[in-house]
């Protein structure tokens, strides 16, 4: 657009200068016609001088009209060139976006009006363990795990009414029957390319491994807590017996150590109970 405006501005400036020069030379032409020998030699006749002046004026006028014609031609050509450059930039940007979309490490899926899957990227195909032919044309919410079936209906209503879905934890069923945990986000993308086909973009963040590690951590802590409860309870019982004096009076130093041991043991029991 800047090139177009610059060309138009320059053309009008040059045209204005030429027209102004022709207008300013009108008095000179009139004086020359009335007194030709003031500017031309006496060896030329008046008709010859008049003819020369007319020819010069015709040359100037032809040049002026030629320049106007040139402006019209170049204006159209430059406008077409600018449109062509803009179109090429749009196509290039679209191709680059397509490559980024296809090769993104996060699963992305384009969705149609009824949450129909089309154009899943490579990461999405790997996530579900399918090919494009296996998954395209299927409803995304049909891949929800059994424990999320009720949510599938709710999310489908959200999708149809344009309500965004942001990082909801969902289990998806893959082609081999395994369930994968994920964070699902769906964003509305109506009229992205002027087509009614584009209505939504789904992003799936795989947290299966994270969930597995969290479960292993929880199970380990539960097992460790269970294994520690018995010796801590025994230790508490013995320290309380010693502190009570039933097994004999303790000197002040011994009582101090038993009290400290009992406090530490109590802290350990509280820690185990928390976990």
Protein backbone atom coordinates (compact mmCIF):
# COMPACT_ATOMS: atom_id res chain seq x y z
CA UNK A 1 0.00 0.00 0.00
CA UNK A 2 2.87 2.39 0.73
CA UNK A 3 4.32 1.76 -2.74
CA UNK A 4 0.92 2.52 -4.28
CA UNK A 5 0.53 5.83 -2.40
CA UNK A 6 4.14 6.87 -3.15
CA UNK A 7 3.69 6.21 -6.87
CA UNK A 8 0.38 8.11 -6.97
CA UNK A 9 1.83 11.09 -5.08
CA UNK A 10 4.95 11.29 -7.32
CA UNK A 11 2.85 11.03 -10.48
CA UNK A 12 0.55 13.86 -9.47
CA UNK A 13 3.51 16.08 -8.51
CA UNK A 14 5.18 15.59 -11.91
CA UNK A 15 1.87 16.09 -13.70
CA UNK A 16 1.25 19.28 -11.74
CA UNK A 17 4.73 20.61 -12.62
CA UNK A 18 4.24 19.90 -16.34
CA UNK A 19 0.77 21.46 -16.40
CA UNK A 20 2.08 24.47 -14.49
CA UNK A 21 4.97 24.92 -16.88
CA UNK A 22 2.56 24.85 -19.83
CA UNK A 23 0.29 27.38 -18.15
CA UNK A 24 3.18 29.73 -17.28
CA UNK A 25 4.49 29.60 -20.83
CA UNK A 26 1.14 30.78 -22.25
CA UNK A 27 2.18 34.47 -22.11
CA UNK A 28 5.52 33.66 -23.74
CA UNK A 29 3.74 31.87 -26.59
CA UNK A 30 1.30 34.76 -27.02
CA UNK A 31 4.14 37.34 -27.11
CA UNK A 32 6.09 35.23 -29.57
CA UNK A 33 3.13 34.98 -31.91
CA UNK A 34 2.52 38.75 -31.75
CA UNK A 35 6.22 39.69 -32.09
CA UNK A 36 8.08 36.67 -33.55
CA UNK A 37 11.27 38.53 -34.46
CA UNK A 38 11.91 39.27 -30.80
CA UNK A 39 12.95 35.66 -30.22
CA UNK A 40 13.71 34.34 -33.74
CA UNK A 41 16.07 35.41 -36.49
CA UNK A 42 14.90 37.73 -39.29
CA UNK A 43 15.79 35.11 -41.91
CA UNK A 44 12.55 33.22 -41.10
CA UNK A 45 9.15 34.30 -42.30
CA UNK A 46 6.25 34.86 -39.92
CA UNK A 47 4.34 31.75 -41.09
CA UNK A 48 7.48 29.65 -40.55
CA UNK A 49 7.92 31.01 -37.03
CA UNK A 50 4.26 30.36 -36.28
CA UNK A 51 4.64 26.82 -37.56
CA UNK A 52 7.67 26.20 -35.31
CA UNK A 53 5.80 27.50 -32.28
CA UNK A 54 2.77 25.33 -33.07
CA UNK A 55 4.99 22.31 -33.53
CA UNK A 56 6.71 22.98 -30.18
CA UNK A 57 3.33 23.31 -28.48
CA UNK A 58 2.18 20.07 -30.08
CA UNK A 59 5.34 18.33 -28.86
CA UNK A 60 4.73 19.59 -25.31
CA UNK A 61 1.06 18.58 -25.42
CA UNK A 62 1.89 15.16 -26.86
CA UNK A 63 4.52 14.68 -24.15
CA UNK A 64 2.00 15.71 -21.50
CA UNK A 65 -0.66 13.31 -22.76
CA UNK A 66 1.96 10.58 -23.14
CA UNK A 67 2.95 11.06 -19.53
CA UNK A 68 -0.70 10.89 -18.44
CA UNK A 69 -1.10 7.67 -20.44
CA UNK A 70 2.10 6.37 -18.84
CA UNK A 71 0.72 7.18 -15.39
CA UNK A 72 -2.44 5.26 -16.10
CA UNK A 73 -0.53 2.23 -17.35
CA UNK A 74 2.05 2.17 -14.56
CA UNK A 75 -0.59 2.87 -11.92
CA UNK A 76 -2.52 -0.22 -12.96
CA UNK A 77 0.64 -2.31 -13.30
CA UNK A 78 2.06 -1.23 -9.96
CA UNK A 79 -1.28 -1.85 -8.28
CA UNK A 80 -1.36 -5.36 -9.73
CA UNK A 81 2.23 -5.94 -8.65
CA UNK A 82 1.44 -4.83 -5.11
CA UNK A 83 -1.59 -7.13 -5.01
CA UNK A 84 0.57 -9.96 -6.32
CA UNK A 85 3.24 -9.31 -3.65
CA UNK A 86 0.59 -9.20 -0.92
CA UNK A 87 -0.98 -12.42 -2.20
CA UNK A 88 2.41 -14.11 -2.33
CA UNK A 89 3.13 -12.99 1.26
CA UNK A 90 -0.24 -14.35 2.42
CA UNK A 91 0.36 -17.69 0.69
CA UNK A 92 3.87 -17.90 2.15
CA UNK A 93 2.58 -17.07 5.64
CA UNK A 94 -0.14 -19.68 5.30
CA UNK A 95 2.38 -22.32 4.20
CA UNK A 96 4.64 -21.47 7.14
CA UNK A 97 1.68 -21.65 9.54
CA UNK A 98 0.70 -25.00 8.03
CA UNK A 99 4.22 -26.35 8.60
CA UNK A 100 4.27 -25.09 12.19
CA UNK A 101 0.82 -26.59 12.78
CA UNK A 102 1.72 -29.99 11.28
CA UNK A 103 5.07 -30.29 13.08
CA UNK A 104 4.08 -28.82 16.45
CA UNK A 105 4.95 -31.12 19.40
CA UNK A 106 1.51 -30.50 20.94
CA UNK A 107 -1.50 -32.34 19.44
CA UNK A 108 -3.78 -29.94 17.53
CA UNK A 109 -7.07 -30.86 15.84
CA UNK A 110 -9.35 -28.75 13.66
CA UNK A 111 -13.04 -29.29 14.41
CA UNK A 112 -16.14 -28.88 12.24
CA UNK A 113 -19.65 -27.82 13.20
CA UNK A 114 -20.52 -31.03 15.09
CA UNK A 115 -17.03 -31.36 16.59
CA UNK A 116 -16.06 -33.47 13.58
CA UNK A 117 -12.31 -33.97 13.36
CA UNK A 118 -10.37 -32.85 10.30
CA UNK A 119 -6.73 -31.94 9.62
CA UNK A 120 -5.20 -33.32 12.84
CA UNK A 121 -1.48 -32.60 13.08
CA UNK A 122 1.19 -35.28 13.39
CA UNK A 123 1.37 -35.05 17.17
CA UNK A 124 -2.39 -35.69 17.39
CA UNK A 125 -2.07 -38.77 15.19
CA UNK A 126 0.74 -40.07 17.41
CA UNK A 127 -1.32 -39.34 20.53
CA UNK A 128 -4.25 -41.46 19.32
CA UNK A 129 -2.06 -43.98 17.47
CA UNK A 130 -4.01 -43.55 14.23
CA UNK A 131 -3.71 -42.33 10.66
CA UNK A 132 -5.64 -39.38 9.24
CA UNK A 133 -8.11 -41.75 7.56
CA UNK A 134 -8.86 -43.44 10.91
CA UNK A 135 -9.80 -40.29 12.79
CA UNK A 136 -11.05 -37.70 10.30
CA UNK A 137 -14.82 -37.36 10.21
CA UNK A 138 -15.18 -38.74 13.79
CA UNK A 139 -16.57 -36.76 16.72
CA UNK A 140 -13.80 -35.72 19.12
CA UNK A 141 -15.96 -36.27 22.19
CA UNK A 142 -16.55 -39.88 21.15
CA UNK A 143 -12.93 -40.57 22.18
CA UNK A 144 -13.57 -39.63 25.83
CA UNK A 145 -12.88 -42.40 28.36
CA UNK A 146 -15.70 -44.12 30.25
CA UNK A 147 -15.30 -41.95 33.35
CA UNK A 148 -15.65 -38.81 31.21
CA UNK A 149 -18.75 -39.81 29.18
CA UNK A 150 -20.99 -37.45 31.15
CA UNK A 151 -18.54 -34.62 30.56
CA UNK A 152 -18.54 -35.40 26.84
CA UNK A 153 -22.19 -34.38 26.54
CA UNK A 154 -21.61 -31.21 28.57
CA UNK A 155 -18.53 -30.25 26.55
CA UNK A 156 -20.40 -30.90 23.30
CA UNK A 157 -23.06 -28.40 24.38
CA UNK A 158 -20.31 -25.94 25.31
CA UNK A 159 -18.79 -26.39 21.88
CA UNK A 160 -22.07 -25.86 19.99
CA UNK A 161 -22.80 -22.66 21.92
CA UNK A 162 -19.26 -21.28 21.53
CA UNK A 163 -18.24 -21.58 25.19
CA UNK A 164 -14.44 -22.09 25.38
CA UNK A 165 -13.02 -25.15 27.12
CA UNK A 166 -9.76 -24.39 28.90
CA UNK A 167 -7.36 -27.06 30.23
CA UNK A 168 -9.94 -29.58 31.41
CA UNK A 169 -8.49 -32.91 32.55
CA UNK A 170 -9.85 -35.64 30.29
CA UNK A 171 -9.00 -39.29 29.60
CA UNK A 172 -8.95 -40.17 25.89
CA UNK A 173 -9.21 -43.71 24.49
CA UNK A 174 -6.57 -44.46 21.85
CA UNK A 175 -6.83 -46.90 18.95
CA UNK A 176 -5.29 -49.77 20.93
CA UNK A 177 -7.76 -49.27 23.79
CA UNK A 178 -5.38 -47.56 26.18
CA UNK A 179 -6.51 -44.48 28.09
CA UNK A 180 -4.33 -41.38 28.06
CA UNK A 181 -4.72 -38.50 30.48
CA UNK A 182 -4.66 -35.02 29.00
CA UNK A 183 -5.56 -31.38 29.46
CA UNK A 184 -8.08 -30.42 26.76
CA UNK A 185 -8.61 -26.88 25.46
CA UNK A 186 -10.98 -25.93 22.63
CA UNK A 187 -11.11 -22.47 21.09
CA UNK A 188 -13.67 -21.06 18.68
CA UNK A 189 -12.31 -20.23 15.21
CA UNK A 190 -15.40 -19.36 13.14
CA UNK A 191 -14.86 -17.91 9.66
CA UNK A 192 -11.10 -18.27 9.88
CA UNK A 193 -10.87 -18.67 6.10
CA UNK A 194 -14.34 -17.51 5.15
CA UNK A 195 -15.62 -21.09 5.28
CA UNK A 196 -18.26 -22.48 7.59
CA UNK A 197 -16.08 -25.58 7.98
CA UNK A 198 -13.71 -23.95 10.44
CA UNK A 199 -15.38 -23.66 13.82
CA UNK A 200 -12.90 -24.82 16.44
CA UNK A 201 -9.34 -25.76 17.33
CA UNK A 202 -8.67 -28.43 19.95
CA UNK A 203 -5.35 -28.58 21.81
CA UNK A 204 -4.48 -31.72 23.78
CA UNK A 205 -1.66 -31.64 26.32
CA UNK A 206 -0.59 -35.18 27.19
CA UNK A 207 -0.11 -35.64 30.95
CA UNK A 208 -0.21 -39.46 30.98
CA UNK A 209 3.39 -39.80 32.12
CA UNK A 210 2.97 -37.08 34.73
CA UNK A 211 -0.13 -38.80 36.10
CA UNK A 212 1.72 -42.11 36.20
CA UNK A 213 4.59 -40.55 38.15
CA UNK A 214 2.16 -38.83 40.52
CA UNK A 215 0.40 -42.14 41.14
CA UNK A 216 3.70 -43.92 41.76
CA UNK A 217 4.73 -41.16 44.16
CA UNK A 218 1.43 -41.39 46.03
CA UNK A 219 1.65 -45.17 46.29
CA UNK A 220 5.24 -44.96 47.54
CA UNK A 221 4.34 -42.39 50.18
CA UNK A 222 1.35 -44.47 51.25
CA UNK A 223 3.49 -47.60 51.53
CA UNK A 224 6.28 -45.77 53.33
CA UNK A 225 3.81 -44.19 55.75
CA UNK A 226 2.23 -47.55 56.46
CA UNK A 227 5.61 -49.18 57.05
CA UNK A 228 6.74 -46.37 59.38
CA UNK A 229 3.61 -46.28 61.51
CA UNK A 230 4.35 -49.54 63.37
CA UNK A 231 7.93 -48.76 64.53
CA UNK A 232 6.98 -45.17 65.40
CA UNK A 233 4.04 -46.37 67.48
CA UNK A 234 6.31 -48.88 69.25
CA UNK A 235 8.92 -46.20 69.88
CA UNK A 236 6.23 -43.90 71.28
CA UNK A 237 4.96 -46.65 73.62
CA UNK A 238 8.45 -47.37 75.02
CA UNK A 239 9.36 -43.71 75.50
CA UNK A 240 6.09 -43.05 77.32
CA UNK A 241 6.74 -46.03 79.64
CA UNK A 242 10.24 -44.79 80.39
CA UNK A 243 9.01 -41.23 80.95
CA UNK A 244 6.24 -42.43 83.30
CA UNK A 245 8.78 -43.93 85.76
CA UNK A 246 7.03 -47.32 85.93
CA UNK A 247 10.32 -48.99 85.15
CA UNK A 248 12.22 -46.90 87.69
CA UNK A 249 12.93 -43.27 88.38
CA UNK A 250 15.06 -41.42 85.83
CA UNK A 251 17.61 -38.81 86.69
CA UNK A 252 17.09 -35.29 85.25
CA UNK A 253 19.48 -35.86 82.34
CA UNK A 254 17.71 -39.09 81.35
CA UNK A 255 14.31 -37.37 81.58
CA UNK A 256 15.58 -34.59 79.30
CA UNK A 257 16.73 -37.10 76.67
CA UNK A 258 13.51 -39.11 76.87
CA UNK A 259 11.44 -35.91 76.51
CA UNK A 260 13.43 -34.87 73.43
CA UNK A 261 13.09 -38.35 71.95
CA UNK A 262 9.36 -38.34 72.59
CA UNK A 263 8.99 -34.90 70.90
CA UNK A 264 10.93 -35.99 67.82
CA UNK A 265 8.92 -39.22 67.64
CA UNK A 266 5.66 -37.25 67.87
CA UNK A 267 6.79 -34.98 65.02
CA UNK A 268 7.59 -38.04 62.90
CA UNK A 269 4.13 -39.51 63.62
CA UNK A 270 2.43 -36.22 62.63
CA UNK A 271 4.47 -36.16 59.39
CA UNK A 272 3.49 -39.74 58.53
CA UNK A 273 -0.18 -39.04 59.28
CA UNK A 274 -0.14 -36.03 56.92
CA UNK A 275 1.14 -38.17 54.06
